[in-house]
Amino acid sequence: MDRIKYFKAIFGVLFFMAILGAGSASGAVTAENKPISHVFLISVGGLNREGFVSNPVPNMKYLMMEGVTNDKTLAIRSDTMEAAETSLLTGTTTDALLRQDQDAYYHAIRNFDTQLGIFVKRLKDSGLYDKSLIIITSARSTSPSNLVPLIIYGPGCNVNSTMSGGMIIDVASTICRLIGLEAPASSRGIPIYGSLQLSEEERQNIASTWIKDLQKDRQANWNMNYSLEDELSRTIRQMASIKEEKQSVFDFAGEREQLIIGLKSTLTVERAIWCGIVLIMLAGYLLEFVLLKKKYLLFK
């Protein structure tokens, strides 16, 4: 298997999402007013944070300096790569960690980085690099930490900066925000605002929206807290009731045991009395036999 096929077998998917006209990007906010004409979402299947930070990946780090990055993005756990990629593309959630040969895995990461360098060079040679939105990440991680790197470069993105708190399901919403489209209706993600160049007015509007959402979440969390407290109280009362019933059962079992012991004692006494009566009757019969024998015996 040649190098490219090997890389594809290890990592899987390279998405070239819609090649969009400049008119579709009229809603994107940029510092240099450059429209986004192309979107490249590169999903490196199985890439995890540990593999990313432990390998020499100069081309990915070049894009990190050109754009914004978060090497602790929370990935999606899913049974299949297709399900994970669906979450990446739509922002929806799905419900296994991958296993790989460590040497082959690291080799594949370095191989991907080499291919990425070739890809970026071709974009620059064709004059598309400055008008392209490039996102490099993985829909799911091969690490128990569930963390993957996320690199975003393009018009409207911050340069040589880091972000935190992102999730893979936020990628679709971030792309839609940058190219001026509505996020998918089923998306549960939000734009990664830490990656975007925003005007002061936009920052204030976003902050205001977040404050309102946080107030709603705060009230919802308190209501949930009250519900959990009520449920805890009910559980404590049920446990106390079960404990009382358990004690009652033990008490009944003790009384029953005492009753059984008493009945056994009474039965033993009654048996002894009956045995004594039988012995007395036998002794009487024997005495009567002896007396009658002496009285009526004709011959010695």
C-alpha atoms as a PDB file:
ATOM      1  CA  MET A   1       0.000   0.000   0.000  1.00  0.00           C
ATOM      2  CA  ASP A   2       1.535   3.287  -1.007  1.00  0.00           C
ATOM      3  CA  ARG A   3       1.854   6.252   1.304  1.00  0.00           C
ATOM      4  CA  ILE A   4      -1.413   7.983   0.417  1.00  0.00           C
ATOM      5  CA  LYS A   5      -3.473   4.789   0.576  1.00  0.00           C
ATOM      6  CA  TYR A   6      -1.883   3.935   3.885  1.00  0.00           C
ATOM      7  CA  PHE A   7      -2.747   7.342   5.219  1.00  0.00           C
ATOM      8  CA  LYS A   8      -6.341   6.978   4.020  1.00  0.00           C
ATOM      9  CA  ALA A   9      -6.612   3.546   5.603  1.00  0.00           C
ATOM     10  CA  ILE A  10      -5.452   4.919   8.947  1.00  0.00           C
ATOM     11  CA  PHE A  11      -7.250   8.224   9.046  1.00  0.00           C
ATOM     12  CA  GLY A  12     -10.183   7.983   6.714  1.00  0.00           C
ATOM     13  CA  VAL A  13     -11.934  11.110   5.627  1.00  0.00           C
ATOM     14  CA  LEU A  14     -10.882  14.309   3.897  1.00  0.00           C
ATOM     15  CA  PHE A  15     -13.914  16.504   3.400  1.00  0.00           C
ATOM     16  CA  PHE A  16     -13.980  19.276   0.880  1.00  0.00           C
ATOM     17  CA  MET A  17     -17.215  20.953   1.868  1.00  0.00           C
ATOM     18  CA  ALA A  18     -19.091  23.086  -0.584  1.00  0.00           C
ATOM     19  CA  ILE A  19     -17.071  25.343  -2.875  1.00  0.00           C
ATOM     20  CA  LEU A  20     -19.007  28.510  -2.330  1.00  0.00           C
ATOM     21  CA  GLY A  21     -19.183  31.699  -4.309  1.00  0.00           C
ATOM     22  CA  ALA A  22     -18.145  34.968  -2.772  1.00  0.00           C
ATOM     23  CA  GLY A  23     -21.789  36.044  -2.628  1.00  0.00           C
ATOM     24  CA  SER A  24     -22.594  33.253  -0.146  1.00  0.00           C
ATOM     25  CA  ALA A  25     -20.094  34.713   2.304  1.00  0.00           C
ATOM     26  CA  SER A  26     -21.510  38.198   2.562  1.00  0.00           C
ATOM     27  CA  GLY A  27     -22.327  37.639   6.242  1.00  0.00           C
ATOM     28  CA  ALA A  28     -18.744  36.758   7.256  1.00  0.00           C
ATOM     29  CA  VAL A  29     -16.938  39.270   9.428  1.00  0.00           C
ATOM     30  CA  THR A  30     -13.251  39.777   8.568  1.00  0.00           C
ATOM     31  CA  ALA A  31     -10.572  42.239   9.460  1.00  0.00           C
ATOM     32  CA  GLU A  32      -9.437  42.614   5.847  1.00  0.00           C
ATOM     33  CA  ASN A  33     -12.903  42.222   4.342  1.00  0.00           C
ATOM     34  CA  LYS A  34     -11.891  39.065   2.451  1.00  0.00           C
ATOM     35  CA  PRO A  35     -14.785  36.870   1.400  1.00  0.00           C
ATOM     36  CA  ILE A  36     -14.612  33.123   1.959  1.00  0.00           C
ATOM     37  CA  SER A  37     -14.822  31.359  -1.376  1.00  0.00           C
ATOM     38  CA  HIS A  38     -13.843  27.835  -0.301  1.00  0.00           C
ATOM     39  CA  VAL A  39     -14.331  25.754   2.826  1.00  0.00           C
ATOM     40  CA  PHE A  40     -12.050  22.793   3.510  1.00  0.00           C
ATOM     41  CA  LEU A  41     -13.030  20.671   6.484  1.00  0.00           C
ATOM     42  CA  ILE A  42     -10.309  18.061   6.971  1.00  0.00           C
ATOM     43  CA  SER A  43     -11.310  15.334   9.403  1.00  0.00           C
ATOM     44  CA  VAL A  44      -8.395  13.145  10.452  1.00  0.00           C
ATOM     45  CA  GLY A  45     -10.153  10.042  11.740  1.00  0.00           C
ATOM     46  CA  GLY A  46      -8.873   8.858  15.102  1.00  0.00           C
ATOM     47  CA  LEU A  47      -6.474  11.755  15.690  1.00  0.00           C
ATOM     48  CA  ASN A  48      -6.171  12.479  19.397  1.00  0.00           C
ATOM     49  CA  ARG A  49      -4.532  15.247  21.399  1.00  0.00           C
ATOM     50  CA  GLU A  50      -1.697  13.056  22.650  1.00  0.00           C
ATOM     51  CA  GLY A  51      -0.735  12.042  19.115  1.00  0.00           C
ATOM     52  CA  PHE A  52      -0.927  15.632  17.952  1.00  0.00           C
ATOM     53  CA  VAL A  53       1.311  17.136  20.638  1.00  0.00           C
ATOM     54  CA  SER A  54       3.772  14.207  20.590  1.00  0.00           C
ATOM     55  CA  ASN A  55       4.636  14.380  16.903  1.00  0.00           C
ATOM     56  CA  PRO A  56       6.563  16.806  14.716  1.00  0.00           C
ATOM     57  CA  VAL A  57       3.762  18.273  12.611  1.00  0.00           C
ATOM     58  CA  PRO A  58       5.213  21.506  11.195  1.00  0.00           C
ATOM     59  CA  ASN A  59       2.443  22.055   8.659  1.00  0.00           C
ATOM     60  CA  MET A  60      -0.347  21.816  11.213  1.00  0.00           C
ATOM     61  CA  LYS A  61       1.611  24.092  13.532  1.00  0.00           C
ATOM     62  CA  TYR A  62       2.050  26.525  10.665  1.00  0.00           C
ATOM     63  CA  LEU A  63      -1.738  26.706  10.325  1.00  0.00           C
ATOM     64  CA  MET A  64      -1.928  27.110  14.105  1.00  0.00           C
ATOM     65  CA  MET A  65       0.174  30.258  13.828  1.00  0.00           C
ATOM     66  CA  GLU A  66      -1.859  31.455  10.874  1.00  0.00           C
ATOM     67  CA  GLY A  67      -5.183  30.832  12.594  1.00  0.00           C
ATOM     68  CA  VAL A  68      -6.641  29.787  15.918  1.00  0.00           C
ATOM     69  CA  THR A  69      -6.318  26.456  17.704  1.00  0.00           C
ATOM     70  CA  ASN A  70      -7.633  24.433  20.614  1.00  0.00           C
ATOM     71  CA  ASP A  71      -5.766  21.193  21.337  1.00  0.00           C
ATOM     72  CA  LYS A  72      -8.293  20.118  23.971  1.00  0.00           C
ATOM     73  CA  THR A  73     -11.488  20.029  21.950  1.00  0.00           C
ATOM     74  CA  LEU A  74     -13.950  17.456  23.248  1.00  0.00           C
ATOM     75  CA  ALA A  75     -14.642  14.825  20.585  1.00  0.00           C
ATOM     76  CA  ILE A  76     -17.668  12.627  19.982  1.00  0.00           C
ATOM     77  CA  ARG A  77     -17.942   9.024  21.145  1.00  0.00           C
ATOM     78  CA  SER A  78     -19.612   6.921  18.469  1.00  0.00           C
ATOM     79  CA  ASP A  79     -19.694   3.333  17.267  1.00  0.00           C
ATOM     80  CA  THR A  80     -18.800   4.165  13.667  1.00  0.00           C
ATOM     81  CA  MET A  81     -16.725   6.770  11.886  1.00  0.00           C
ATOM     82  CA  GLU A  82     -19.747   7.692   9.804  1.00  0.00           C
ATOM     83  CA  ALA A  83     -21.749   8.588  12.905  1.00  0.00           C
ATOM     84  CA  ALA A  84     -18.882  10.706  14.258  1.00  0.00           C
ATOM     85  CA  GLU A  85     -18.493  12.539  10.951  1.00  0.00           C
ATOM     86  CA  THR A  86     -22.239  13.205  10.941  1.00  0.00           C
ATOM     87  CA  SER A  87     -21.860  14.919  14.306  1.00  0.00           C
ATOM     88  CA  LEU A  88     -18.936  16.938  12.953  1.00  0.00           C
ATOM     89  CA  LEU A  89     -20.846  18.089   9.880  1.00  0.00           C
ATOM     90  CA  THR A  90     -24.245  18.739  11.432  1.00  0.00           C
ATOM     91  CA  GLY A  91     -23.587  19.457  15.106  1.00  0.00           C
ATOM     92  CA  THR A  92     -25.859  16.623  16.202  1.00  0.00           C
ATOM     93  CA  THR A  93     -24.780  14.033  18.762  1.00  0.00           C
ATOM     94  CA  THR A  94     -24.442  10.272  18.499  1.00  0.00           C
ATOM     95  CA  ASP A  95     -23.696   7.645  21.038  1.00  0.00           C
ATOM     96  CA  ALA A  96     -16.023   3.307  21.200  1.00  0.00           C
ATOM     97  CA  LEU A  97     -12.711   4.134  21.329  1.00  0.00           C
ATOM     98  CA  LEU A  98     -10.386   3.067  18.514  1.00  0.00           C
ATOM     99  CA  ARG A  99      -7.334   0.953  19.022  1.00  0.00           C
ATOM    100  CA  GLN A 100      -4.272   1.321  16.861  1.00  0.00           C
ATOM    101  CA  ASP A 101      -0.690   0.237  16.555  1.00  0.00           C
ATOM    102  CA  GLN A 102       1.253   3.071  18.186  1.00  0.00           C
ATOM    103  CA  ASP A 103       4.134   3.196  15.686  1.00  0.00           C
ATOM    104  CA  ALA A 104       1.829   3.014  12.687  1.00  0.00           C
ATOM    105  CA  TYR A 105      -0.410   5.622  14.262  1.00  0.00           C
ATOM    106  CA  TYR A 106       2.373   8.164  14.753  1.00  0.00           C
ATOM    107  CA  HIS A 107       3.722   7.424  11.296  1.00  0.00           C
ATOM    108  CA  ALA A 108       0.282   8.104   9.835  1.00  0.00           C
ATOM    109  CA  ILE A 109       0.068  11.443  11.675  1.00  0.00           C
ATOM    110  CA  ARG A 110       3.413  12.532  10.230  1.00  0.00           C
ATOM    111  CA  ASN A 111       2.324  11.291   6.818  1.00  0.00           C
ATOM    112  CA  PHE A 112      -0.872  13.323   7.054  1.00  0.00           C
ATOM    113  CA  ASP A 113       1.105  16.418   8.008  1.00  0.00           C
ATOM    114  CA  THR A 114       3.292  15.960   4.912  1.00  0.00           C
ATOM    115  CA  GLN A 115       0.222  15.655   2.694  1.00  0.00           C
ATOM    116  CA  LEU A 116      -1.264  18.722   4.396  1.00  0.00           C
ATOM    117  CA  GLY A 117       1.841  20.722   3.522  1.00  0.00           C
ATOM    118  CA  ILE A 118       1.466  19.720  -0.133  1.00  0.00           C
ATOM    119  CA  PHE A 119      -2.215  20.652   0.002  1.00  0.00           C
ATOM    120  CA  VAL A 120      -1.539  24.102   1.513  1.00  0.00           C
ATOM    121  CA  LYS A 121       1.215  24.774  -1.033  1.00  0.00           C
ATOM    122  CA  ARG A 122      -1.174  23.988  -3.871  1.00  0.00           C
ATOM    123  CA  LEU A 123      -3.755  26.343  -2.373  1.00  0.00           C
ATOM    124  CA  LYS A 124      -1.146  29.102  -2.223  1.00  0.00           C
ATOM    125  CA  ASP A 125       0.082  28.404  -5.752  1.00  0.00           C
ATOM    126  CA  SER A 126      -3.483  28.615  -7.048  1.00  0.00           C
ATOM    127  CA  GLY A 127      -4.218  31.825  -5.130  1.00  0.00           C
ATOM    128  CA  LEU A 128      -6.953  30.204  -3.014  1.00  0.00           C
ATOM    129  CA  TYR A 129      -5.185  30.087   0.341  1.00  0.00           C
ATOM    130  CA  ASP A 130      -6.167  33.564   1.550  1.00  0.00           C
ATOM    131  CA  LYS A 131      -9.782  33.009   0.524  1.00  0.00           C
ATOM    132  CA  SER A 132     -10.109  29.546   2.027  1.00  0.00           C
ATOM    133  CA  LEU A 133     -11.472  28.419   5.384  1.00  0.00           C
ATOM    134  CA  ILE A 134      -9.419  25.436   6.513  1.00  0.00           C
ATOM    135  CA  ILE A 135     -10.426  23.363   9.538  1.00  0.00           C
ATOM    136  CA  ILE A 136      -8.395  20.415  10.757  1.00  0.00           C
ATOM    137  CA  THR A 137      -9.726  18.174  13.485  1.00  0.00           C
ATOM    138  CA  SER A 138     -11.027  14.664  14.165  1.00  0.00           C
ATOM    139  CA  ALA A 139     -14.611  13.674  14.761  1.00  0.00           C
ATOM    140  CA  ARG A 140     -13.594  11.175  17.432  1.00  0.00           C
ATOM    141  CA  SER A 141     -10.525  10.464  19.495  1.00  0.00           C
ATOM    142  CA  THR A 142      -8.539   7.269  19.967  1.00  0.00           C
ATOM    143  CA  SER A 143      -7.628   8.379  23.482  1.00  0.00           C
ATOM    144  CA  PRO A 144      -9.568   7.809  26.735  1.00  0.00           C
ATOM    145  CA  SER A 145      -9.377  11.575  27.225  1.00  0.00           C
ATOM    146  CA  ASN A 146     -11.751  12.055  24.250  1.00  0.00           C
ATOM    147  CA  LEU A 147      -9.736  15.161  23.304  1.00  0.00           C
ATOM    148  CA  VAL A 148      -8.720  16.115  19.779  1.00  0.00           C
ATOM    149  CA  PRO A 149      -6.974  19.132  18.259  1.00  0.00           C
ATOM    150  CA  LEU A 150      -8.971  21.748  16.378  1.00  0.00           C
ATOM    151  CA  ILE A 151      -7.215  24.173  14.004  1.00  0.00           C
ATOM    152  CA  ILE A 152      -9.190  26.865  12.196  1.00  0.00           C
ATOM    153  CA  TYR A 153      -7.641  29.154   9.597  1.00  0.00           C
ATOM    154  CA  GLY A 154      -9.345  31.557   7.258  1.00  0.00           C
ATOM    155  CA  PRO A 155     -10.875  34.991   6.759  1.00  0.00           C
ATOM    156  CA  GLY A 156     -12.710  36.126   9.843  1.00  0.00           C
ATOM    157  CA  CYS A 157     -10.600  33.995  12.207  1.00  0.00           C
ATOM    158  CA  ASN A 158      -8.124  35.152  14.816  1.00  0.00           C
ATOM    159  CA  VAL A 159      -4.434  34.765  14.037  1.00  0.00           C
ATOM    160  CA  ASN A 160      -1.894  32.853  16.121  1.00  0.00           C
ATOM    161  CA  SER A 161      -4.221  32.529  19.097  1.00  0.00           C
ATOM    162  CA  THR A 162      -5.673  29.777  21.227  1.00  0.00           C
ATOM    163  CA  MET A 163      -9.197  29.013  22.349  1.00  0.00           C
ATOM    164  CA  SER A 164     -10.719  26.735  24.963  1.00  0.00           C
ATOM    165  CA  GLY A 165     -13.962  25.049  25.870  1.00  0.00           C
ATOM    166  CA  GLY A 166     -14.912  23.947  22.363  1.00  0.00           C
ATOM    167  CA  MET A 167     -16.557  20.725  21.230  1.00  0.00           C
ATOM    168  CA  ILE A 168     -16.646  18.958  17.910  1.00  0.00           C
ATOM    169  CA  ILE A 169     -20.372  19.656  17.597  1.00  0.00           C
ATOM    170  CA  ASP A 170     -19.483  23.379  17.550  1.00  0.00           C
ATOM    171  CA  VAL A 171     -17.585  23.103  14.249  1.00  0.00           C
ATOM    172  CA  ALA A 172     -20.665  23.135  12.004  1.00  0.00           C
ATOM    173  CA  SER A 173     -22.083  26.220  13.745  1.00  0.00           C
ATOM    174  CA  THR A 174     -18.717  27.969  13.497  1.00  0.00           C
ATOM    175  CA  ILE A 175     -18.483  27.300   9.764  1.00  0.00           C
ATOM    176  CA  CYS A 176     -22.036  28.553   9.239  1.00  0.00           C
ATOM    177  CA  ARG A 177     -21.247  31.694  11.219  1.00  0.00           C
ATOM    178  CA  LEU A 178     -18.162  32.418   9.103  1.00  0.00           C
ATOM    179  CA  ILE A 179     -19.857  31.931   5.737  1.00  0.00           C
ATOM    180  CA  GLY A 180     -23.122  33.633   6.702  1.00  0.00           C
ATOM    181  CA  LEU A 181     -25.446  30.619   6.800  1.00  0.00           C
ATOM    182  CA  GLU A 182     -27.894  29.384   9.400  1.00  0.00           C
ATOM    183  CA  ALA A 183     -26.700  26.464  11.505  1.00  0.00           C
ATOM    184  CA  PRO A 184     -28.433  23.102  10.906  1.00  0.00           C
ATOM    185  CA  ALA A 185     -31.784  22.957  12.665  1.00  0.00           C
ATOM    186  CA  SER A 186     -30.786  19.871  14.665  1.00  0.00           C
ATOM    187  CA  SER A 187     -27.404  21.263  15.698  1.00  0.00           C
ATOM    188  CA  ARG A 188     -26.667  21.371  19.405  1.00  0.00           C
ATOM    189  CA  GLY A 189     -23.397  23.231  18.954  1.00  0.00           C
ATOM    190  CA  ILE A 190     -22.660  26.951  19.123  1.00  0.00           C
ATOM    191  CA  PRO A 191     -20.136  29.062  17.223  1.00  0.00           C
ATOM    192  CA  ILE A 192     -16.682  29.037  18.766  1.00  0.00           C
ATOM    193  CA  TYR A 193     -16.569  32.783  19.337  1.00  0.00           C
ATOM    194  CA  GLY A 194     -13.013  32.598  20.648  1.00  0.00           C
ATOM    195  CA  SER A 195     -11.877  31.781  17.119  1.00  0.00           C
ATOM    196  CA  LEU A 196     -13.664  34.685  15.418  1.00  0.00           C
ATOM    197  CA  GLN A 197     -12.685  38.280  14.723  1.00  0.00           C
ATOM    198  CA  LEU A 198     -15.594  40.274  16.107  1.00  0.00           C
ATOM    199  CA  SER A 199     -16.386  43.948  16.270  1.00  0.00           C
ATOM    200  CA  GLU A 200     -17.007  45.559  19.640  1.00  0.00           C
ATOM    201  CA  GLU A 201     -20.720  45.793  18.877  1.00  0.00           C
ATOM    202  CA  GLU A 202     -20.873  42.093  18.016  1.00  0.00           C
ATOM    203  CA  ARG A 203     -19.004  41.233  21.204  1.00  0.00           C
ATOM    204  CA  GLN A 204     -21.510  43.226  23.252  1.00  0.00           C
ATOM    205  CA  ASN A 205     -24.462  41.612  21.484  1.00  0.00           C
ATOM    206  CA  ILE A 206     -22.997  38.145  22.001  1.00  0.00           C
ATOM    207  CA  ALA A 207     -22.233  38.936  25.648  1.00  0.00           C
ATOM    208  CA  SER A 208     -25.805  40.168  26.135  1.00  0.00           C
ATOM    209  CA  THR A 209     -27.208  37.017  24.544  1.00  0.00           C
ATOM    210  CA  TRP A 210     -24.963  34.834  26.663  1.00  0.00           C
ATOM    211  CA  ILE A 211     -26.002  36.676  29.825  1.00  0.00           C
ATOM    212  CA  LYS A 212     -29.658  36.023  29.022  1.00  0.00           C
ATOM    213  CA  ASP A 213     -28.946  32.383  28.252  1.00  0.00           C
ATOM    214  CA  LEU A 214     -26.898  32.014  31.432  1.00  0.00           C
ATOM    215  CA  GLN A 215     -29.741  33.518  33.455  1.00  0.00           C
ATOM    216  CA  LYS A 216     -32.136  31.004  31.936  1.00  0.00           C
ATOM    217  CA  ASP A 217     -29.684  28.178  32.551  1.00  0.00           C
ATOM    218  CA  ARG A 218     -29.158  29.420  36.113  1.00  0.00           C
ATOM    219  CA  GLN A 219     -32.874  29.328  36.811  1.00  0.00           C
ATOM    220  CA  ALA A 220     -33.198  25.942  35.121  1.00  0.00           C
ATOM    221  CA  ASN A 221     -30.268  24.612  37.171  1.00  0.00           C
ATOM    222  CA  TRP A 222     -31.825  25.863  40.403  1.00  0.00           C
ATOM    223  CA  ASN A 223     -35.143  24.259  39.469  1.00  0.00           C
ATOM    224  CA  MET A 224     -33.289  21.055  38.725  1.00  0.00           C
ATOM    225  CA  ASN A 225     -31.484  21.404  42.056  1.00  0.00           C
ATOM    226  CA  TYR A 226     -34.814  21.753  43.861  1.00  0.00           C
ATOM    227  CA  SER A 227     -36.168  18.727  42.002  1.00  0.00           C
ATOM    228  CA  LEU A 228     -33.083  16.716  42.962  1.00  0.00           C
ATOM    229  CA  GLU A 229     -33.453  17.815  46.588  1.00  0.00           C
ATOM    230  CA  ASP A 230     -37.107  16.730  46.557  1.00  0.00           C
ATOM    231  CA  GLU A 231     -36.132  13.439  44.986  1.00  0.00           C
ATOM    232  CA  LEU A 232     -33.375  13.016  47.570  1.00  0.00           C
ATOM    233  CA  SER A 233     -35.848  13.694  50.385  1.00  0.00           C
ATOM    234  CA  ARG A 234     -38.271  11.151  48.951  1.00  0.00           C
ATOM    235  CA  THR A 235     -35.466   8.640  48.625  1.00  0.00           C
ATOM    236  CA  ILE A 236     -34.357   9.235  52.236  1.00  0.00           C
ATOM    237  CA  ARG A 237     -37.935   8.782  53.472  1.00  0.00           C
ATOM    238  CA  GLN A 238     -38.287   5.614  51.424  1.00  0.00           C
ATOM    239  CA  MET A 239     -35.008   4.296  52.807  1.00  0.00           C
ATOM    240  CA  ALA A 240     -36.154   5.097  56.370  1.00  0.00           C
ATOM    241  CA  SER A 241     -39.457   3.336  55.690  1.00  0.00           C
ATOM    242  CA  ILE A 242     -37.627   0.340  54.257  1.00  0.00           C
ATOM    243  CA  LYS A 243     -35.356   0.321  57.303  1.00  0.00           C
ATOM    244  CA  GLU A 244     -38.380   0.355  59.634  1.00  0.00           C
ATOM    245  CA  GLU A 245     -40.012  -2.435  57.663  1.00  0.00           C
ATOM    246  CA  LYS A 246     -36.765  -4.370  57.785  1.00  0.00           C
ATOM    247  CA  GLN A 247     -36.604  -3.902  61.560  1.00  0.00           C
ATOM    248  CA  SER A 248     -40.233  -4.962  61.846  1.00  0.00           C
ATOM    249  CA  VAL A 249     -39.460  -8.100  59.866  1.00  0.00           C
ATOM    250  CA  PHE A 250     -36.484  -8.813  62.136  1.00  0.00           C
ATOM    251  CA  ASP A 251     -38.632  -8.223  65.222  1.00  0.00           C
ATOM    252  CA  PHE A 252     -41.367 -10.495  63.875  1.00  0.00           C
ATOM    253  CA  ALA A 253     -38.755 -13.101  63.006  1.00  0.00           C
ATOM    254  CA  GLY A 254     -37.392 -12.860  66.574  1.00  0.00           C
ATOM    255  CA  GLU A 255     -40.851 -13.194  68.091  1.00  0.00           C
ATOM    256  CA  ARG A 256     -41.582 -16.103  65.806  1.00  0.00           C
ATOM    257  CA  GLU A 257     -38.314 -17.738  66.836  1.00  0.00           C
ATOM    258  CA  GLN A 258     -39.198 -17.299  70.526  1.00  0.00           C
ATOM    259  CA  LEU A 259     -42.653 -18.723  69.863  1.00  0.00           C
ATOM    260  CA  ILE A 260     -41.166 -21.727  68.102  1.00  0.00           C
ATOM    261  CA  ILE A 261     -38.750 -22.273  71.004  1.00  0.00           C
ATOM    262  CA  GLY A 262     -41.674 -22.048  73.486  1.00  0.00           C
ATOM    263  CA  LEU A 263     -43.754 -24.482  71.464  1.00  0.00           C
ATOM    264  CA  LYS A 264     -40.829 -26.895  71.303  1.00  0.00           C
ATOM    265  CA  SER A 265     -40.398 -26.673  75.078  1.00  0.00           C
ATOM    266  CA  THR A 266     -44.121 -27.248  75.678  1.00  0.00           C
ATOM    267  CA  LEU A 267     -44.111 -30.197  73.272  1.00  0.00           C
ATOM    268  CA  THR A 268     -41.094 -31.688  75.050  1.00  0.00           C
ATOM    269  CA  VAL A 269     -42.819 -31.391  78.429  1.00  0.00           C
ATOM    270  CA  GLU A 270     -46.031 -32.911  77.080  1.00  0.00           C
ATOM    271  CA  ARG A 271     -44.115 -35.783  75.577  1.00  0.00           C
ATOM    272  CA  ALA A 272     -42.318 -36.385  78.875  1.00  0.00           C
ATOM    273  CA  ILE A 273     -45.670 -36.374  80.722  1.00  0.00           C
ATOM    274  CA  TRP A 274     -47.208 -38.796  78.258  1.00  0.00           C
ATOM    275  CA  CYS A 275     -44.158 -41.042  78.484  1.00  0.00           C
ATOM    276  CA  GLY A 276     -44.461 -40.991  82.298  1.00  0.00           C
ATOM    277  CA  ILE A 277     -48.170 -41.875  82.130  1.00  0.00           C
ATOM    278  CA  VAL A 278     -47.453 -44.741  79.740  1.00  0.00           C
ATOM    279  CA  LEU A 279     -44.696 -46.036  82.037  1.00  0.00           C
ATOM    280  CA  ILE A 280     -47.017 -45.851  85.063  1.00  0.00           C
ATOM    281  CA  MET A 281     -49.738 -47.715  83.151  1.00  0.00           C
ATOM    282  CA  LEU A 282     -47.267 -50.378  82.080  1.00  0.00           C
ATOM    283  CA  ALA A 283     -46.033 -50.731  85.644  1.00  0.00           C
ATOM    284  CA  GLY A 284     -49.688 -51.091  86.849  1.00  0.00           C
ATOM    285  CA  TYR A 285     -50.424 -53.719  84.226  1.00  0.00           C
ATOM    286  CA  LEU A 286     -47.303 -55.634  85.221  1.00  0.00           C
ATOM    287  CA  LEU A 287     -48.197 -55.488  88.943  1.00  0.00           C
ATOM    288  CA  GLU A 288     -51.752 -56.583  88.260  1.00  0.00           C
ATOM    289  CA  PHE A 289     -50.463 -59.489  86.160  1.00  0.00           C
ATOM    290  CA  VAL A 290     -48.178 -60.631  88.943  1.00  0.00           C
ATOM    291  CA  LEU A 291     -50.951 -60.491  91.564  1.00  0.00           C
ATOM    292  CA  LEU A 292     -53.462 -62.287  89.406  1.00  0.00           C
ATOM    293  CA  LYS A 293     -50.901 -64.895  88.528  1.00  0.00           C
ATOM    294  CA  LYS A 294     -50.292 -65.685  92.200  1.00  0.00           C
ATOM    295  CA  LYS A 295     -54.001 -65.730  92.997  1.00  0.00           C
ATOM    296  CA  TYR A 296     -55.224 -67.907  90.162  1.00  0.00           C
ATOM    297  CA  LEU A 297     -52.181 -70.093  89.408  1.00  0.00           C
ATOM    298  CA  LEU A 298     -53.294 -73.711  89.997  1.00  0.00           C
ATOM    299  CA  PHE A 299     -49.989 -75.426  89.476  1.00  0.00           C
ATOM    300  CA  LYS A 300     -46.511 -74.263  90.375  1.00  0.00           C
END
